[in-house]
């Protein structure tokens, strides 16, 4: 089992919104990979934006009970994050995405819960696949 469970905005929104396409997947992953879930401030910003004001209370509750924790310091990782932004400029990687990639490089035994298929393209430490769990592709 992963030592560091990271989450992106897609997972957070899917978990908290029963109307989300990936809600059932996110709920099952939340049981397989229980909190605390690690993330970064950029992911939190995206999550609050995507879920809207009616869904913000559950995010606040996750933060208050430390089920969701922001553990990334952008200042300490700025050069590496900027390199990743430049590297993935052609796919318009968000700040949240590159911070999560960087977190997989710095945290022990990471796994990222995500609904974002771009993480199949991204690499950590240059050529290593980012360890992700995401919904299966539908045909």
N, C-alpha and C. Protein backbone atom coordinates (compact mmCIF):
# COMPACT_ATOMS: atom_id res chain seq x y z
N UNK A 1 0.84 -1.18 0.00
CA UNK A 1 0.00 0.00 0.00
C UNK A 1 0.89 1.24 0.00
N UNK A 2 0.37 2.28 -0.64
CA UNK A 2 1.13 3.52 -0.75
C UNK A 2 1.29 4.18 0.61
N UNK A 3 2.45 4.77 0.79
CA UNK A 3 2.73 5.52 2.01
C UNK A 3 2.19 6.95 1.90
N UNK A 4 2.23 7.50 0.70
CA UNK A 4 1.77 8.87 0.45
C UNK A 4 0.68 8.83 -0.61
N UNK A 5 -0.55 9.07 -0.18
CA UNK A 5 -1.68 9.11 -1.11
C UNK A 5 -1.94 10.56 -1.47
N UNK A 6 -1.73 10.88 -2.74
CA UNK A 6 -1.92 12.23 -3.26
C UNK A 6 -3.25 12.28 -4.01
N UNK A 7 -3.89 13.44 -3.98
CA UNK A 7 -5.15 13.59 -4.70
C UNK A 7 -5.16 14.87 -5.52
N UNK A 8 -5.85 14.80 -6.65
CA UNK A 8 -6.01 16.01 -7.47
C UNK A 8 -7.44 16.50 -7.37
N UNK A 9 -7.71 17.62 -8.01
CA UNK A 9 -9.04 18.23 -7.93
C UNK A 9 -10.12 17.32 -8.50
N UNK A 10 -9.81 16.59 -9.55
CA UNK A 10 -10.80 15.69 -10.14
C UNK A 10 -11.27 14.65 -9.14
N UNK A 11 -10.35 14.08 -8.38
CA UNK A 11 -10.72 13.10 -7.35
C UNK A 11 -11.58 13.76 -6.28
N UNK A 12 -11.15 14.92 -5.80
CA UNK A 12 -11.88 15.60 -4.72
C UNK A 12 -13.31 15.91 -5.15
N UNK A 13 -13.47 16.49 -6.33
CA UNK A 13 -14.80 16.84 -6.83
C UNK A 13 -15.64 15.59 -7.05
N UNK A 14 -15.05 14.56 -7.64
CA UNK A 14 -15.79 13.32 -7.88
C UNK A 14 -16.25 12.69 -6.57
N UNK A 15 -15.40 12.71 -5.57
CA UNK A 15 -15.75 12.14 -4.28
C UNK A 15 -16.92 12.89 -3.63
N UNK A 16 -16.90 14.19 -3.73
CA UNK A 16 -17.87 15.01 -3.00
C UNK A 16 -19.17 15.28 -3.78
N UNK A 17 -19.17 15.02 -5.07
CA UNK A 17 -20.35 15.29 -5.89
C UNK A 17 -20.95 13.98 -6.40
N UNK A 18 -22.09 13.63 -5.87
CA UNK A 18 -22.77 12.41 -6.31
C UNK A 18 -23.18 12.44 -7.77
N UNK A 19 -23.23 13.62 -8.36
CA UNK A 19 -23.59 13.75 -9.78
C UNK A 19 -22.39 13.61 -10.71
N UNK A 20 -21.19 13.57 -10.16
CA UNK A 20 -19.99 13.47 -10.99
C UNK A 20 -19.90 12.09 -11.64
N UNK A 21 -19.47 12.06 -12.88
CA UNK A 21 -19.31 10.81 -13.63
C UNK A 21 -18.47 9.78 -12.89
N UNK A 22 -17.48 10.24 -12.13
CA UNK A 22 -16.54 9.34 -11.47
C UNK A 22 -16.80 9.20 -9.98
N UNK A 23 -17.98 9.57 -9.52
CA UNK A 23 -18.27 9.54 -8.08
C UNK A 23 -18.09 8.14 -7.48
N UNK A 24 -18.64 7.13 -8.09
CA UNK A 24 -18.55 5.77 -7.53
C UNK A 24 -17.10 5.29 -7.50
N UNK A 25 -16.36 5.61 -8.55
CA UNK A 25 -14.94 5.26 -8.58
C UNK A 25 -14.21 5.94 -7.42
N UNK A 26 -14.44 7.24 -7.24
CA UNK A 26 -13.76 8.00 -6.19
C UNK A 26 -14.13 7.46 -4.80
N UNK A 27 -15.38 7.15 -4.60
CA UNK A 27 -15.81 6.60 -3.29
C UNK A 27 -15.13 5.27 -3.01
N UNK A 28 -14.98 4.44 -4.03
CA UNK A 28 -14.30 3.15 -3.80
C UNK A 28 -12.81 3.35 -3.54
N UNK A 29 -12.20 4.32 -4.21
CA UNK A 29 -10.78 4.61 -3.97
C UNK A 29 -10.57 5.21 -2.58
N UNK A 30 -11.52 5.99 -2.11
CA UNK A 30 -11.42 6.57 -0.77
C UNK A 30 -11.41 5.47 0.29
N UNK A 31 -12.10 4.38 0.02
CA UNK A 31 -12.06 3.24 0.96
C UNK A 31 -10.76 2.48 0.85
N UNK A 32 -10.26 2.30 -0.37
CA UNK A 32 -8.99 1.57 -0.58
C UNK A 32 -7.79 2.36 -0.09
N UNK A 33 -7.87 3.67 -0.23
CA UNK A 33 -6.76 4.57 0.14
C UNK A 33 -7.31 5.62 1.10
N UNK A 34 -7.48 5.26 2.35
CA UNK A 34 -8.11 6.19 3.31
C UNK A 34 -7.23 7.41 3.60
N UNK A 35 -7.87 8.46 4.11
CA UNK A 35 -7.12 9.67 4.48
C UNK A 35 -6.09 9.37 5.55
N UNK A 36 -5.15 10.28 5.70
CA UNK A 36 -5.10 11.62 5.11
C UNK A 36 -4.61 11.57 3.66
N UNK A 37 -5.22 12.42 2.84
CA UNK A 37 -4.82 12.59 1.45
C UNK A 37 -3.99 13.85 1.35
N UNK A 38 -2.86 13.73 0.67
CA UNK A 38 -1.95 14.87 0.52
C UNK A 38 -2.21 15.57 -0.80
N UNK A 39 -2.05 16.87 -0.78
CA UNK A 39 -2.24 17.66 -1.98
C UNK A 39 -1.45 18.95 -1.87
N UNK A 40 -1.75 19.89 -2.75
CA UNK A 40 -1.07 21.19 -2.74
C UNK A 40 -2.12 22.30 -2.82
N UNK A 41 -1.68 23.51 -2.56
CA UNK A 41 -2.60 24.65 -2.57
C UNK A 41 -3.26 24.86 -3.93
N UNK A 42 -2.52 24.61 -5.01
CA UNK A 42 -3.09 24.79 -6.35
C UNK A 42 -4.26 23.83 -6.58
N UNK A 43 -4.14 22.61 -6.10
CA UNK A 43 -5.24 21.64 -6.22
C UNK A 43 -6.44 22.09 -5.40
N UNK A 44 -6.18 22.60 -4.20
CA UNK A 44 -7.29 23.09 -3.38
C UNK A 44 -8.01 24.23 -4.08
N UNK A 45 -7.27 25.15 -4.67
CA UNK A 45 -7.86 26.27 -5.40
C UNK A 45 -8.75 25.76 -6.54
N UNK A 46 -8.23 24.82 -7.33
CA UNK A 46 -9.01 24.24 -8.42
C UNK A 46 -10.27 23.55 -7.88
N UNK A 47 -10.12 22.82 -6.80
CA UNK A 47 -11.25 22.08 -6.22
C UNK A 47 -12.37 23.02 -5.79
N UNK A 48 -12.01 24.06 -5.06
CA UNK A 48 -13.03 25.04 -4.64
C UNK A 48 -13.70 25.68 -5.84
N UNK A 49 -12.91 26.00 -6.85
CA UNK A 49 -13.47 26.62 -8.06
C UNK A 49 -14.42 25.66 -8.78
N UNK A 50 -14.00 24.42 -8.98
CA UNK A 50 -14.80 23.46 -9.73
C UNK A 50 -16.09 23.06 -9.01
N UNK A 51 -16.02 22.91 -7.71
CA UNK A 51 -17.19 22.44 -6.98
C UNK A 51 -18.20 23.55 -6.71
N UNK A 52 -17.73 24.79 -6.75
CA UNK A 52 -18.63 25.93 -6.56
C UNK A 52 -18.98 26.15 -5.10
N UNK A 53 -19.67 27.24 -4.86
CA UNK A 53 -19.94 27.61 -3.47
C UNK A 53 -20.85 26.63 -2.76
N UNK A 54 -21.72 25.93 -3.47
CA UNK A 54 -22.61 24.98 -2.78
C UNK A 54 -21.87 23.73 -2.32
N UNK A 55 -20.73 23.44 -2.92
CA UNK A 55 -19.97 22.25 -2.54
C UNK A 55 -18.75 22.53 -1.69
N UNK A 56 -18.53 23.79 -1.34
CA UNK A 56 -17.30 24.12 -0.62
C UNK A 56 -17.30 23.60 0.82
N UNK A 57 -18.45 23.49 1.45
CA UNK A 57 -18.50 23.04 2.86
C UNK A 57 -17.87 21.66 3.06
N UNK A 58 -18.10 20.68 2.17
CA UNK A 58 -17.44 19.39 2.37
C UNK A 58 -15.91 19.45 2.25
N UNK A 59 -15.41 20.33 1.38
CA UNK A 59 -13.95 20.49 1.27
C UNK A 59 -13.42 21.10 2.56
N UNK A 60 -14.10 22.10 3.05
CA UNK A 60 -13.71 22.72 4.32
C UNK A 60 -13.69 21.66 5.43
N UNK A 61 -14.70 20.80 5.46
CA UNK A 61 -14.76 19.75 6.50
C UNK A 61 -13.58 18.79 6.37
N UNK A 62 -13.23 18.41 5.16
CA UNK A 62 -12.07 17.52 4.96
C UNK A 62 -10.79 18.18 5.46
N UNK A 63 -10.64 19.47 5.18
CA UNK A 63 -9.46 20.21 5.64
C UNK A 63 -9.44 20.34 7.16
N UNK A 64 -10.58 20.65 7.76
CA UNK A 64 -10.65 20.84 9.22
C UNK A 64 -10.30 19.56 9.97
N UNK A 65 -10.71 18.44 9.46
CA UNK A 65 -10.42 17.18 10.17
C UNK A 65 -9.12 16.52 9.69
N UNK A 66 -8.36 17.25 8.88
CA UNK A 66 -7.05 16.81 8.37
C UNK A 66 -7.14 15.52 7.57
N UNK A 67 -8.28 15.30 6.92
CA UNK A 67 -8.39 14.19 5.98
C UNK A 67 -7.75 14.59 4.65
N UNK A 68 -7.72 15.89 4.40
CA UNK A 68 -7.10 16.48 3.22
C UNK A 68 -6.10 17.51 3.72
N UNK A 69 -4.83 17.32 3.35
CA UNK A 69 -3.78 18.20 3.86
C UNK A 69 -2.90 18.70 2.72
N UNK A 70 -2.62 19.99 2.77
CA UNK A 70 -1.71 20.59 1.80
C UNK A 70 -0.31 20.52 2.39
N UNK A 71 0.56 19.75 1.74
CA UNK A 71 1.89 19.52 2.30
C UNK A 71 3.01 20.03 1.39
N UNK A 72 2.66 20.69 0.30
CA UNK A 72 3.65 21.09 -0.69
C UNK A 72 4.04 22.55 -0.50
N UNK A 73 5.33 22.82 -0.50
CA UNK A 73 5.83 24.18 -0.40
C UNK A 73 6.39 24.59 -1.76
N UNK A 74 5.66 25.42 -2.47
CA UNK A 74 6.08 25.84 -3.80
C UNK A 74 7.43 26.55 -3.77
N UNK A 75 7.65 27.40 -2.79
CA UNK A 75 8.93 28.12 -2.71
C UNK A 75 10.12 27.17 -2.66
N UNK A 76 9.98 26.09 -1.91
CA UNK A 76 11.08 25.13 -1.78
C UNK A 76 11.30 24.31 -3.05
N UNK A 77 10.33 24.28 -3.93
CA UNK A 77 10.38 23.45 -5.13
C UNK A 77 10.26 24.26 -6.42
N UNK A 78 10.43 25.56 -6.32
CA UNK A 78 10.13 26.45 -7.44
C UNK A 78 10.90 26.10 -8.71
N UNK A 79 12.20 25.90 -8.62
CA UNK A 79 12.98 25.61 -9.83
C UNK A 79 12.50 24.34 -10.52
N UNK A 80 12.24 23.30 -9.74
CA UNK A 80 11.77 22.03 -10.31
C UNK A 80 10.38 22.18 -10.92
N UNK A 81 9.50 22.92 -10.26
CA UNK A 81 8.15 23.15 -10.77
C UNK A 81 8.20 23.94 -12.07
N UNK A 82 9.02 24.96 -12.13
CA UNK A 82 9.13 25.76 -13.35
C UNK A 82 9.69 24.94 -14.50
N UNK A 83 10.64 24.06 -14.23
CA UNK A 83 11.15 23.16 -15.27
C UNK A 83 10.05 22.25 -15.80
N UNK A 84 9.22 21.74 -14.90
CA UNK A 84 8.10 20.88 -15.32
C UNK A 84 7.08 21.66 -16.14
N UNK A 85 6.81 22.89 -15.77
CA UNK A 85 5.88 23.72 -16.55
C UNK A 85 6.43 23.93 -17.96
N UNK A 86 7.73 24.21 -18.08
CA UNK A 86 8.34 24.38 -19.39
C UNK A 86 8.32 23.07 -20.18
N UNK A 87 8.60 21.97 -19.50
CA UNK A 87 8.63 20.67 -20.17
C UNK A 87 7.27 20.29 -20.74
N UNK A 88 6.20 20.61 -20.02
CA UNK A 88 4.86 20.21 -20.44
C UNK A 88 4.03 21.38 -20.98
N UNK A 89 4.69 22.39 -21.50
CA UNK A 89 3.99 23.55 -22.07
C UNK A 89 3.10 23.14 -23.24
N UNK A 90 3.51 22.14 -24.00
CA UNK A 90 2.73 21.73 -25.18
C UNK A 90 1.41 21.06 -24.81
N UNK A 91 1.30 20.58 -23.59
CA UNK A 91 0.02 19.98 -23.14
C UNK A 91 -0.67 20.88 -22.12
N UNK A 92 -0.16 22.09 -21.99
CA UNK A 92 -0.76 23.07 -21.07
C UNK A 92 -0.96 22.52 -19.66
N UNK A 93 0.10 21.94 -19.11
CA UNK A 93 0.03 21.42 -17.75
C UNK A 93 -0.25 22.56 -16.78
N UNK A 94 -1.18 22.32 -15.88
CA UNK A 94 -1.52 23.34 -14.89
C UNK A 94 -0.50 23.36 -13.77
N UNK A 95 -0.52 24.42 -13.01
CA UNK A 95 0.35 24.50 -11.84
C UNK A 95 0.03 23.35 -10.88
N UNK A 96 -1.25 23.04 -10.72
CA UNK A 96 -1.64 21.93 -9.85
C UNK A 96 -1.03 20.62 -10.34
N UNK A 97 -1.10 20.36 -11.64
CA UNK A 97 -0.53 19.12 -12.19
C UNK A 97 0.96 19.01 -11.92
N UNK A 98 1.71 20.07 -12.21
CA UNK A 98 3.16 19.97 -12.04
C UNK A 98 3.56 19.91 -10.57
N UNK A 99 2.79 20.54 -9.71
CA UNK A 99 3.07 20.41 -8.27
C UNK A 99 2.86 18.96 -7.83
N UNK A 100 1.81 18.32 -8.34
CA UNK A 100 1.57 16.92 -8.00
C UNK A 100 2.68 16.02 -8.55
N UNK A 101 3.12 16.29 -9.77
CA UNK A 101 4.25 15.51 -10.32
C UNK A 101 5.45 15.66 -9.40
N UNK A 102 5.75 16.88 -9.03
CA UNK A 102 6.90 17.13 -8.14
C UNK A 102 6.72 16.42 -6.81
N UNK A 103 5.50 16.41 -6.28
CA UNK A 103 5.24 15.72 -5.02
C UNK A 103 5.53 14.23 -5.14
N UNK A 104 5.24 13.63 -6.30
CA UNK A 104 5.55 12.20 -6.48
C UNK A 104 7.05 11.96 -6.49
N UNK A 105 7.81 13.00 -6.80
CA UNK A 105 9.27 12.88 -6.80
C UNK A 105 9.86 13.01 -5.40
N UNK A 106 9.15 13.65 -4.50
CA UNK A 106 9.73 13.97 -3.20
C UNK A 106 9.15 13.18 -2.03
N UNK A 107 7.96 12.61 -2.20
CA UNK A 107 7.33 11.87 -1.09
C UNK A 107 7.57 10.37 -1.23
N UNK A 108 7.63 9.69 -0.11
CA UNK A 108 7.91 8.26 -0.09
C UNK A 108 6.72 7.46 -0.61
N UNK A 109 7.00 6.51 -1.50
CA UNK A 109 6.04 5.54 -1.99
C UNK A 109 4.70 6.18 -2.36
N UNK A 110 4.70 7.11 -3.33
CA UNK A 110 3.48 7.86 -3.64
C UNK A 110 2.53 7.12 -4.58
N UNK A 111 1.27 7.44 -4.48
CA UNK A 111 0.27 7.08 -5.48
C UNK A 111 -0.67 8.27 -5.59
N UNK A 112 -1.05 8.60 -6.81
CA UNK A 112 -1.91 9.75 -7.08
C UNK A 112 -3.28 9.27 -7.52
N UNK A 113 -4.32 9.71 -6.82
CA UNK A 113 -5.69 9.44 -7.22
C UNK A 113 -6.14 10.59 -8.09
N UNK A 114 -6.48 10.30 -9.34
CA UNK A 114 -6.78 11.35 -10.31
C UNK A 114 -7.78 10.88 -11.34
N UNK A 115 -8.50 11.82 -11.92
CA UNK A 115 -9.36 11.55 -13.07
C UNK A 115 -8.76 12.13 -14.35
N UNK A 116 -7.58 12.70 -14.25
CA UNK A 116 -6.93 13.44 -15.34
C UNK A 116 -6.02 12.52 -16.14
N UNK A 117 -6.41 12.21 -17.36
CA UNK A 117 -5.63 11.29 -18.20
C UNK A 117 -4.28 11.87 -18.62
N UNK A 118 -4.06 13.18 -18.46
CA UNK A 118 -2.75 13.75 -18.77
C UNK A 118 -1.65 13.12 -17.92
N UNK A 119 -2.00 12.58 -16.77
CA UNK A 119 -0.99 11.95 -15.93
C UNK A 119 -0.44 10.67 -16.54
N UNK A 120 -1.06 10.18 -17.61
CA UNK A 120 -0.48 9.06 -18.36
C UNK A 120 0.69 9.53 -19.22
N UNK A 121 0.69 10.83 -19.54
CA UNK A 121 1.73 11.43 -20.38
C UNK A 121 2.89 11.93 -19.52
N UNK A 122 2.58 12.51 -18.39
CA UNK A 122 3.59 13.11 -17.53
C UNK A 122 4.57 12.06 -17.02
N UNK A 123 5.79 12.51 -16.76
CA UNK A 123 6.82 11.64 -16.20
C UNK A 123 7.46 12.34 -15.01
N UNK A 124 7.92 11.54 -14.08
CA UNK A 124 8.63 12.08 -12.91
C UNK A 124 10.07 11.64 -13.00
N UNK A 125 10.95 12.40 -12.42
CA UNK A 125 12.39 12.13 -12.50
C UNK A 125 12.81 11.90 -13.96
N UNK A 126 12.21 12.63 -14.87
CA UNK A 126 12.59 12.54 -16.28
C UNK A 126 11.83 11.50 -17.07
N UNK A 127 11.92 10.22 -16.67
CA UNK A 127 11.35 9.16 -17.50
C UNK A 127 10.45 8.18 -16.77
N UNK A 128 10.29 8.33 -15.48
CA UNK A 128 9.48 7.38 -14.72
C UNK A 128 8.00 7.71 -14.81
N UNK A 129 7.21 6.67 -14.96
CA UNK A 129 5.75 6.84 -14.98
C UNK A 129 5.29 7.36 -13.63
N UNK A 130 4.35 8.29 -13.65
CA UNK A 130 3.76 8.80 -12.42
C UNK A 130 2.83 7.71 -11.88
N UNK A 131 3.01 7.28 -10.63
CA UNK A 131 2.16 6.21 -10.08
C UNK A 131 0.75 6.73 -9.81
N UNK A 132 -0.19 6.34 -10.66
CA UNK A 132 -1.55 6.85 -10.57
C UNK A 132 -2.56 5.72 -10.45
N UNK A 133 -3.69 6.08 -9.86
CA UNK A 133 -4.89 5.25 -9.92
C UNK A 133 -5.95 6.17 -10.48
N UNK A 134 -6.55 5.73 -11.59
CA UNK A 134 -7.59 6.54 -12.24
C UNK A 134 -8.67 5.63 -12.78
N UNK A 135 -9.83 6.21 -13.07
CA UNK A 135 -10.90 5.39 -13.64
C UNK A 135 -10.46 4.74 -14.95
N UNK A 136 -10.99 3.58 -15.21
CA UNK A 136 -10.66 2.91 -16.48
C UNK A 136 -11.31 3.67 -17.62
N UNK A 137 -10.66 3.60 -18.74
CA UNK A 137 -11.18 4.27 -19.94
C UNK A 137 -12.39 3.52 -20.44
N UNK A 138 -13.38 4.28 -20.87
CA UNK A 138 -14.58 3.68 -21.47
C UNK A 138 -14.42 3.72 -22.97
N UNK A 139 -14.88 2.67 -23.62
CA UNK A 139 -14.75 2.59 -25.08
C UNK A 139 -16.03 2.93 -25.77
